[in-house]
Amino acid sequence: MSIYRIAEINVKIEPIYEQLRSRCKKYLSDDCGAAPQMKIAVTEDRIQKLSVRAPALSAEECEYMLAGADFYGGLMHFNGMLLHASAVALDGRAYLFSAPCGTGKSTHTGLWQKYFGADKAKIINDDKPAIRISGKDALVYGTPFSGKLDLSENAAFKLGAICFLHRSEKNEIRELTEKESIYALLNQSLRPADAKRMALLLNTIEAVLGLSKIYSMGCDISLDAVKLSHETMMKGLTPQ
């Protein structure tokens, strides 16, 4: 039995294919006898059914996607949520940049690494970081489920801020209202079909809104955009 420690949750996974196995490797628990808190079972039957619906995906890609969906679905029971975002850590805080696919969230966090140095600005997860509420903190975690590229760290950082990006010739940023923030977070999260988990997700979102600021930013691909986003979000930080 393989137990992985993901977002401080003991997760039982038995990978079939190499992609899931290799990406989970850095999350393997040191405690071999740890009791699983979440069990993910991706069967060949589930893989086959997904491959019929998405024939462009290989079997190992299907397994990887199904395991990720199972994890983030279960995360809601642990005061957690997925955010479709690129998460970068700097000076002990995590900054999440969310946007629809192809907008440039990974490009923006890559520019953070260029501006501050890759030794200081670390990519926690480039596509699907986990957020969990722990006491009076919102924590951001790397997970094995990080999109096409394996850009993730088995690490946790206190949430600094969340910013929703859109392309613009002019760099400008504003804080979102509570209503705008809820809709933005829901649109870039995994929305469950059942009422129970939807209630759990909304509770987590409410907690996130009480612990961090949410922004909307129109930006180009420049270091000036990095400077604007960083300086604005720094001003809105709560004390460590």
C-alpha atoms as a PDB file:
ATOM      1  CA  MET A   1       0.000   0.000   0.000  1.00  0.00           C
ATOM      2  CA  SER A   2       1.384   3.406  -0.992  1.00  0.00           C
ATOM      3  CA  ILE A   3       0.544   6.366   1.232  1.00  0.00           C
ATOM      4  CA  TYR A   4       1.238   9.861  -0.024  1.00  0.00           C
ATOM      5  CA  ARG A   5       1.229  12.983   2.130  1.00  0.00           C
ATOM      6  CA  ILE A   6      -0.543  15.593  -0.009  1.00  0.00           C
ATOM      7  CA  ALA A   7      -1.660  18.904   1.523  1.00  0.00           C
ATOM      8  CA  GLU A   8      -1.115  17.323   4.962  1.00  0.00           C
ATOM      9  CA  ILE A   9      -3.588  14.547   4.141  1.00  0.00           C
ATOM     10  CA  ASN A  10      -2.633  10.858   4.075  1.00  0.00           C
ATOM     11  CA  VAL A  11      -3.779   9.692   0.647  1.00  0.00           C
ATOM     12  CA  LYS A  12      -3.779   6.070  -0.494  1.00  0.00           C
ATOM     13  CA  ILE A  13      -3.036   5.751  -4.213  1.00  0.00           C
ATOM     14  CA  GLU A  14      -1.953   2.693  -6.172  1.00  0.00           C
ATOM     15  CA  PRO A  15      -0.709   4.111  -9.501  1.00  0.00           C
ATOM     16  CA  ILE A  16      -1.002   1.901 -12.562  1.00  0.00           C
ATOM     17  CA  TYR A  17       0.976   4.032 -15.010  1.00  0.00           C
ATOM     18  CA  GLU A  18       4.247   5.914 -14.826  1.00  0.00           C
ATOM     19  CA  GLN A  19       2.955   9.488 -15.114  1.00  0.00           C
ATOM     20  CA  LEU A  20       0.954   9.351 -11.889  1.00  0.00           C
ATOM     21  CA  ARG A  21       3.634   7.290 -10.117  1.00  0.00           C
ATOM     22  CA  SER A  22       6.485   9.656 -11.003  1.00  0.00           C
ATOM     23  CA  ARG A  23       4.588  12.827 -10.148  1.00  0.00           C
ATOM     24  CA  CYS A  24       3.492  11.432  -6.791  1.00  0.00           C
ATOM     25  CA  LYS A  25       7.003  10.275  -5.869  1.00  0.00           C
ATOM     26  CA  LYS A  26       8.048  13.436  -4.024  1.00  0.00           C
ATOM     27  CA  TYR A  27       4.860  13.205  -1.922  1.00  0.00           C
ATOM     28  CA  LEU A  28       5.476   9.652  -0.693  1.00  0.00           C
ATOM     29  CA  SER A  29       4.910   9.529   3.074  1.00  0.00           C
ATOM     30  CA  ASP A  30       7.831   8.772   5.378  1.00  0.00           C
ATOM     31  CA  ASP A  31       5.391   6.955   7.672  1.00  0.00           C
ATOM     32  CA  CYS A  32       4.709   3.646   5.921  1.00  0.00           C
ATOM     33  CA  GLY A  33       2.192   2.687   8.590  1.00  0.00           C
ATOM     34  CA  ALA A  34       0.150   5.876   8.361  1.00  0.00           C
ATOM     35  CA  ALA A  35      -3.592   5.303   8.155  1.00  0.00           C
ATOM     36  CA  PRO A  36      -5.114   6.691   4.951  1.00  0.00           C
ATOM     37  CA  GLN A  37      -7.476   9.639   5.350  1.00  0.00           C
ATOM     38  CA  MET A  38      -8.432   9.575   1.682  1.00  0.00           C
ATOM     39  CA  LYS A  39      -8.455   6.676  -0.779  1.00  0.00           C
ATOM     40  CA  ILE A  40      -8.147   7.152  -4.531  1.00  0.00           C
ATOM     41  CA  ALA A  41      -8.987   4.145  -6.681  1.00  0.00           C
ATOM     42  CA  VAL A  42      -8.534   4.678 -10.402  1.00  0.00           C
ATOM     43  CA  THR A  43      -9.521   1.395 -12.033  1.00  0.00           C
ATOM     44  CA  GLU A  44      -8.852   0.232 -15.571  1.00  0.00           C
ATOM     45  CA  ASP A  45     -12.608   0.397 -16.143  1.00  0.00           C
ATOM     46  CA  ARG A  46     -12.714   4.107 -15.244  1.00  0.00           C
ATOM     47  CA  ILE A  47      -9.690   4.750 -17.433  1.00  0.00           C
ATOM     48  CA  GLN A  48     -11.330   2.961 -20.344  1.00  0.00           C
ATOM     49  CA  LYS A  49     -14.560   4.926 -19.974  1.00  0.00           C
ATOM     50  CA  LEU A  50     -12.695   8.241 -19.947  1.00  0.00           C
ATOM     51  CA  SER A  51     -10.578   7.251 -22.956  1.00  0.00           C
ATOM     52  CA  VAL A  52     -13.786   6.611 -24.921  1.00  0.00           C
ATOM     53  CA  ARG A  53     -15.030  10.120 -24.092  1.00  0.00           C
ATOM     54  CA  ALA A  54     -11.595  11.674 -24.687  1.00  0.00           C
ATOM     55  CA  PRO A  55      -9.815   9.542 -27.312  1.00  0.00           C
ATOM     56  CA  ALA A  56      -6.947  12.028 -27.631  1.00  0.00           C
ATOM     57  CA  LEU A  57      -5.788  11.130 -24.113  1.00  0.00           C
ATOM     58  CA  SER A  58      -3.492   8.202 -23.426  1.00  0.00           C
ATOM     59  CA  ALA A  59      -4.352   5.690 -20.701  1.00  0.00           C
ATOM     60  CA  GLU A  60      -1.780   7.169 -18.333  1.00  0.00           C
ATOM     61  CA  GLU A  61      -3.099  10.683 -18.945  1.00  0.00           C
ATOM     62  CA  CYS A  62      -6.608   9.440 -18.148  1.00  0.00           C
ATOM     63  CA  GLU A  63      -5.393   7.885 -14.904  1.00  0.00           C
ATOM     64  CA  TYR A  64      -3.592  11.093 -13.923  1.00  0.00           C
ATOM     65  CA  MET A  65      -6.656  13.252 -14.606  1.00  0.00           C
ATOM     66  CA  LEU A  66      -9.025  10.921 -12.755  1.00  0.00           C
ATOM     67  CA  ALA A  67      -6.732  10.743  -9.719  1.00  0.00           C
ATOM     68  CA  GLY A  68      -6.545  14.537  -9.622  1.00  0.00           C
ATOM     69  CA  ALA A  69     -10.319  14.875  -9.839  1.00  0.00           C
ATOM     70  CA  ASP A  70     -10.721  12.356  -7.011  1.00  0.00           C
ATOM     71  CA  PHE A  71      -8.209  14.173  -4.821  1.00  0.00           C
ATOM     72  CA  TYR A  72      -9.717  17.618  -5.281  1.00  0.00           C
ATOM     73  CA  GLY A  73     -13.212  16.238  -4.810  1.00  0.00           C
ATOM     74  CA  GLY A  74     -12.146  14.679  -1.516  1.00  0.00           C
ATOM     75  CA  LEU A  75     -10.245  17.815  -0.486  1.00  0.00           C
ATOM     76  CA  MET A  76     -13.543  19.590   0.146  1.00  0.00           C
ATOM     77  CA  HIS A  77     -14.062  17.346   3.184  1.00  0.00           C
ATOM     78  CA  PHE A  78     -10.801  18.694   4.662  1.00  0.00           C
ATOM     79  CA  ASN A  79     -11.654  22.415   4.619  1.00  0.00           C
ATOM     80  CA  GLY A  80     -10.002  22.666   1.242  1.00  0.00           C
ATOM     81  CA  MET A  81     -10.485  23.595  -2.371  1.00  0.00           C
ATOM     82  CA  LEU A  82      -8.771  23.562  -5.731  1.00  0.00           C
ATOM     83  CA  LEU A  83      -8.028  26.807  -7.522  1.00  0.00           C
ATOM     84  CA  HIS A  84      -7.084  26.726 -11.186  1.00  0.00           C
ATOM     85  CA  ALA A  85      -4.055  28.966 -10.795  1.00  0.00           C
ATOM     86  CA  SER A  86      -0.301  29.262 -10.917  1.00  0.00           C
ATOM     87  CA  ALA A  87       0.992  29.655  -7.365  1.00  0.00           C
ATOM     88  CA  VAL A  88       4.301  31.342  -6.624  1.00  0.00           C
ATOM     89  CA  ALA A  89       5.863  31.644  -3.158  1.00  0.00           C
ATOM     90  CA  LEU A  90       7.932  34.640  -2.125  1.00  0.00           C
ATOM     91  CA  ASP A  91       9.156  35.587   1.357  1.00  0.00           C
ATOM     92  CA  GLY A  92       7.001  32.960   3.043  1.00  0.00           C
ATOM     93  CA  ARG A  93       3.738  33.854   1.315  1.00  0.00           C
ATOM     94  CA  ALA A  94       1.921  32.276  -1.615  1.00  0.00           C
ATOM     95  CA  TYR A  95       0.466  34.402  -4.396  1.00  0.00           C
ATOM     96  CA  LEU A  96      -2.026  32.754  -6.717  1.00  0.00           C
ATOM     97  CA  PHE A  97      -2.684  33.966 -10.247  1.00  0.00           C
ATOM     98  CA  SER A  98      -5.798  32.512 -11.814  1.00  0.00           C
ATOM     99  CA  ALA A  99      -7.187  32.796 -15.330  1.00  0.00           C
ATOM    100  CA  PRO A 100      -8.777  30.711 -18.078  1.00  0.00           C
ATOM    101  CA  CYS A 101      -6.393  28.427 -19.962  1.00  0.00           C
ATOM    102  CA  GLY A 102      -4.129  30.292 -22.351  1.00  0.00           C
ATOM    103  CA  THR A 103      -4.443  33.695 -20.678  1.00  0.00           C
ATOM    104  CA  GLY A 104      -0.900  33.753 -19.313  1.00  0.00           C
ATOM    105  CA  LYS A 105      -0.963  32.918 -15.607  1.00  0.00           C
ATOM    106  CA  SER A 106       2.135  30.702 -15.907  1.00  0.00           C
ATOM    107  CA  THR A 107       3.830  33.394 -17.961  1.00  0.00           C
ATOM    108  CA  HIS A 108       3.162  35.928 -15.201  1.00  0.00           C
ATOM    109  CA  THR A 109       4.529  33.742 -12.395  1.00  0.00           C
ATOM    110  CA  GLY A 110       7.505  32.949 -14.620  1.00  0.00           C
ATOM    111  CA  LEU A 111       8.148  36.686 -14.776  1.00  0.00           C
ATOM    112  CA  TRP A 112       8.056  36.786 -10.978  1.00  0.00           C
ATOM    113  CA  GLN A 113      10.929  34.315 -11.027  1.00  0.00           C
ATOM    114  CA  LYS A 114      12.777  36.473 -13.527  1.00  0.00           C
ATOM    115  CA  TYR A 115      12.180  39.659 -11.497  1.00  0.00           C
ATOM    116  CA  PHE A 116      12.941  38.294  -8.017  1.00  0.00           C
ATOM    117  CA  GLY A 117      15.159  35.352  -8.969  1.00  0.00           C
ATOM    118  CA  ALA A 118      14.149  31.700  -9.219  1.00  0.00           C
ATOM    119  CA  ASP A 119      15.950  31.031  -5.923  1.00  0.00           C
ATOM    120  CA  LYS A 120      13.550  33.394  -4.120  1.00  0.00           C
ATOM    121  CA  ALA A 121      10.326  33.037  -6.109  1.00  0.00           C
ATOM    122  CA  LYS A 122       9.336  29.365  -6.154  1.00  0.00           C
ATOM    123  CA  ILE A 123       6.516  27.825  -8.172  1.00  0.00           C
ATOM    124  CA  ILE A 124       4.444  25.804  -5.680  1.00  0.00           C
ATOM    125  CA  ASN A 125       2.048  24.465  -8.292  1.00  0.00           C
ATOM    126  CA  ASP A 126       1.680  25.755 -11.822  1.00  0.00           C
ATOM    127  CA  ASP A 127      -1.932  24.763 -12.448  1.00  0.00           C
ATOM    128  CA  LYS A 128      -3.916  23.330  -9.533  1.00  0.00           C
ATOM    129  CA  PRO A 129      -2.685  24.361  -6.068  1.00  0.00           C
ATOM    130  CA  ALA A 130      -4.678  23.212  -3.059  1.00  0.00           C
ATOM    131  CA  ILE A 131      -5.950  25.693  -0.483  1.00  0.00           C
ATOM    132  CA  ARG A 132      -6.838  24.535   3.033  1.00  0.00           C
ATOM    133  CA  ILE A 133      -8.142  26.447   6.012  1.00  0.00           C
ATOM    134  CA  SER A 134      -6.122  25.671   9.124  1.00  0.00           C
ATOM    135  CA  GLY A 135      -7.168  27.585  12.229  1.00  0.00           C
ATOM    136  CA  LYS A 136      -6.827  31.273  11.426  1.00  0.00           C
ATOM    137  CA  ASP A 137      -4.730  30.699   8.305  1.00  0.00           C
ATOM    138  CA  ALA A 138      -5.358  29.815   4.698  1.00  0.00           C
ATOM    139  CA  LEU A 139      -2.511  27.595   3.496  1.00  0.00           C
ATOM    140  CA  VAL A 140      -1.496  26.891  -0.094  1.00  0.00           C
ATOM    141  CA  TYR A 141      -0.019  23.497  -0.962  1.00  0.00           C
ATOM    142  CA  GLY A 142       1.755  21.984  -3.883  1.00  0.00           C
ATOM    143  CA  THR A 143       0.212  18.758  -5.180  1.00  0.00           C
ATOM    144  CA  PRO A 144       1.224  16.130  -7.757  1.00  0.00           C
ATOM    145  CA  PHE A 145      -1.534  17.441 -10.018  1.00  0.00           C
ATOM    146  CA  SER A 146       0.040  20.389 -11.772  1.00  0.00           C
ATOM    147  CA  GLY A 147      -1.023  20.340 -15.403  1.00  0.00           C
ATOM    148  CA  LYS A 148       1.073  19.393 -18.408  1.00  0.00           C
ATOM    149  CA  LEU A 149       4.378  20.324 -16.784  1.00  0.00           C
ATOM    150  CA  ASP A 150       5.464  18.827 -13.486  1.00  0.00           C
ATOM    151  CA  LEU A 151       5.973  22.175 -11.767  1.00  0.00           C
ATOM    152  CA  SER A 152       5.136  21.592  -8.124  1.00  0.00           C
ATOM    153  CA  GLU A 153       6.757  21.570  -4.722  1.00  0.00           C
ATOM    154  CA  ASN A 154       5.833  19.409  -1.742  1.00  0.00           C
ATOM    155  CA  ALA A 155       5.524  22.494   0.432  1.00  0.00           C
ATOM    156  CA  ALA A 156       2.996  24.751   2.149  1.00  0.00           C
ATOM    157  CA  PHE A 157       2.864  28.530   2.434  1.00  0.00           C
ATOM    158  CA  LYS A 158       0.479  30.986   4.031  1.00  0.00           C
ATOM    159  CA  LEU A 159      -1.806  32.520   1.423  1.00  0.00           C
ATOM    160  CA  GLY A 160      -0.823  36.067   0.569  1.00  0.00           C
ATOM    161  CA  ALA A 161      -3.399  37.025  -2.058  1.00  0.00           C
ATOM    162  CA  ILE A 162      -5.260  35.791  -5.123  1.00  0.00           C
ATOM    163  CA  CYS A 163      -5.321  37.666  -8.407  1.00  0.00           C
ATOM    164  CA  PHE A 164      -7.482  36.953 -11.455  1.00  0.00           C
ATOM    165  CA  LEU A 165      -5.699  37.916 -14.653  1.00  0.00           C
ATOM    166  CA  HIS A 166      -6.920  39.100 -18.023  1.00  0.00           C
ATOM    167  CA  ARG A 167      -4.955  40.422 -20.945  1.00  0.00           C
ATOM    168  CA  SER A 168      -4.661  44.169 -21.375  1.00  0.00           C
ATOM    169  CA  GLU A 169      -2.354  46.628 -23.095  1.00  0.00           C
ATOM    170  CA  LYS A 170      -2.434  48.672 -19.892  1.00  0.00           C
ATOM    171  CA  ASN A 171      -1.348  47.323 -16.520  1.00  0.00           C
ATOM    172  CA  GLU A 172      -4.052  47.980 -13.925  1.00  0.00           C
ATOM    173  CA  ILE A 173      -5.251  46.199 -10.808  1.00  0.00           C
ATOM    174  CA  ARG A 174      -8.190  46.542  -8.433  1.00  0.00           C
ATOM    175  CA  GLU A 175      -9.574  44.705  -5.430  1.00  0.00           C
ATOM    176  CA  LEU A 176     -12.703  42.678  -6.140  1.00  0.00           C
ATOM    177  CA  THR A 177     -15.906  43.051  -4.153  1.00  0.00           C
ATOM    178  CA  GLU A 178     -17.061  40.114  -2.043  1.00  0.00           C
ATOM    179  CA  LYS A 179     -19.680  39.133  -4.631  1.00  0.00           C
ATOM    180  CA  GLU A 180     -17.172  39.378  -7.486  1.00  0.00           C
ATOM    181  CA  SER A 181     -14.671  37.325  -5.495  1.00  0.00           C
ATOM    182  CA  ILE A 182     -17.137  34.506  -4.837  1.00  0.00           C
ATOM    183  CA  TYR A 183     -18.056  34.214  -8.509  1.00  0.00           C
ATOM    184  CA  ALA A 184     -14.409  34.371  -9.588  1.00  0.00           C
ATOM    185  CA  LEU A 185     -13.348  31.648  -7.141  1.00  0.00           C
ATOM    186  CA  LEU A 186     -16.267  29.403  -8.076  1.00  0.00           C
ATOM    187  CA  ASN A 187     -15.532  29.777 -11.785  1.00  0.00           C
ATOM    188  CA  GLN A 188     -11.937  28.610 -11.339  1.00  0.00           C
ATOM    189  CA  SER A 189     -12.576  25.808  -8.850  1.00  0.00           C
ATOM    190  CA  LEU A 190     -13.991  22.296  -9.005  1.00  0.00           C
ATOM    191  CA  ARG A 191     -17.731  22.746  -8.542  1.00  0.00           C
ATOM    192  CA  PRO A 192     -19.409  19.622  -7.151  1.00  0.00           C
ATOM    193  CA  ALA A 193     -22.814  18.461  -8.341  1.00  0.00           C
ATOM    194  CA  ASP A 194     -24.034  17.475  -4.874  1.00  0.00           C
ATOM    195  CA  ALA A 195     -25.377  19.998  -2.379  1.00  0.00           C
ATOM    196  CA  LYS A 196     -23.302  18.707   0.558  1.00  0.00           C
ATOM    197  CA  ARG A 197     -19.932  19.283  -1.066  1.00  0.00           C
ATOM    198  CA  MET A 198     -21.100  22.573  -2.588  1.00  0.00           C
ATOM    199  CA  ALA A 199     -21.876  23.762   0.942  1.00  0.00           C
ATOM    200  CA  LEU A 200     -18.386  22.687   2.037  1.00  0.00           C
ATOM    201  CA  LEU A 201     -16.829  24.557  -0.893  1.00  0.00           C
ATOM    202  CA  LEU A 202     -18.789  27.732  -0.135  1.00  0.00           C
ATOM    203  CA  ASN A 203     -17.691  27.539   3.512  1.00  0.00           C
ATOM    204  CA  THR A 204     -14.057  27.321   2.412  1.00  0.00           C
ATOM    205  CA  ILE A 205     -14.482  30.233  -0.002  1.00  0.00           C
ATOM    206  CA  GLU A 206     -16.053  32.312   2.781  1.00  0.00           C
ATOM    207  CA  ALA A 207     -13.051  31.572   4.998  1.00  0.00           C
ATOM    208  CA  VAL A 208     -10.593  32.445   2.213  1.00  0.00           C
ATOM    209  CA  LEU A 209     -12.318  35.806   1.708  1.00  0.00           C
ATOM    210  CA  GLY A 210     -11.919  36.548   5.401  1.00  0.00           C
ATOM    211  CA  LEU A 211      -8.200  35.778   5.339  1.00  0.00           C
ATOM    212  CA  SER A 212      -6.941  37.316   2.100  1.00  0.00           C
ATOM    213  CA  LYS A 213      -7.706  39.920  -0.516  1.00  0.00           C
ATOM    214  CA  ILE A 214      -8.824  39.053  -4.037  1.00  0.00           C
ATOM    215  CA  TYR A 215      -7.810  41.146  -7.038  1.00  0.00           C
ATOM    216  CA  SER A 216      -8.473  41.493 -10.744  1.00  0.00           C
ATOM    217  CA  MET A 217      -5.600  42.577 -12.958  1.00  0.00           C
ATOM    218  CA  GLY A 218      -5.339  43.469 -16.604  1.00  0.00           C
ATOM    219  CA  CYS A 219      -1.740  43.138 -17.690  1.00  0.00           C
ATOM    220  CA  ASP A 220       0.758  42.712 -20.461  1.00  0.00           C
ATOM    221  CA  ILE A 221       3.793  40.432 -20.474  1.00  0.00           C
ATOM    222  CA  SER A 222       6.289  42.645 -18.679  1.00  0.00           C
ATOM    223  CA  LEU A 223       8.249  43.078 -15.484  1.00  0.00           C
ATOM    224  CA  ASP A 224       6.223  46.253 -14.875  1.00  0.00           C
ATOM    225  CA  ALA A 225       3.179  43.994 -14.486  1.00  0.00           C
ATOM    226  CA  VAL A 226       5.065  41.951 -11.883  1.00  0.00           C
ATOM    227  CA  LYS A 227       6.018  45.078  -9.965  1.00  0.00           C
ATOM    228  CA  LEU A 228       2.421  46.329  -9.950  1.00  0.00           C
ATOM    229  CA  SER A 229       0.906  43.033  -8.811  1.00  0.00           C
ATOM    230  CA  HIS A 230       3.532  42.480  -6.115  1.00  0.00           C
ATOM    231  CA  GLU A 231       3.412  45.992  -4.671  1.00  0.00           C
ATOM    232  CA  THR A 232      -0.395  46.058  -4.613  1.00  0.00           C
ATOM    233  CA  MET A 233      -0.772  42.664  -2.978  1.00  0.00           C
ATOM    234  CA  MET A 234       1.947  43.411  -0.427  1.00  0.00           C
ATOM    235  CA  LYS A 235      -0.016  46.456   0.763  1.00  0.00           C
ATOM    236  CA  GLY A 236      -3.064  44.296   1.406  1.00  0.00           C
ATOM    237  CA  LEU A 237      -1.329  41.567   3.413  1.00  0.00           C
ATOM    238  CA  THR A 238      -2.459  40.683   6.902  1.00  0.00           C
ATOM    239  CA  PRO A 239       0.354  40.410   9.491  1.00  0.00           C
ATOM    240  CA  GLN A 240       2.201  37.066   9.667  1.00  0.00           C
END
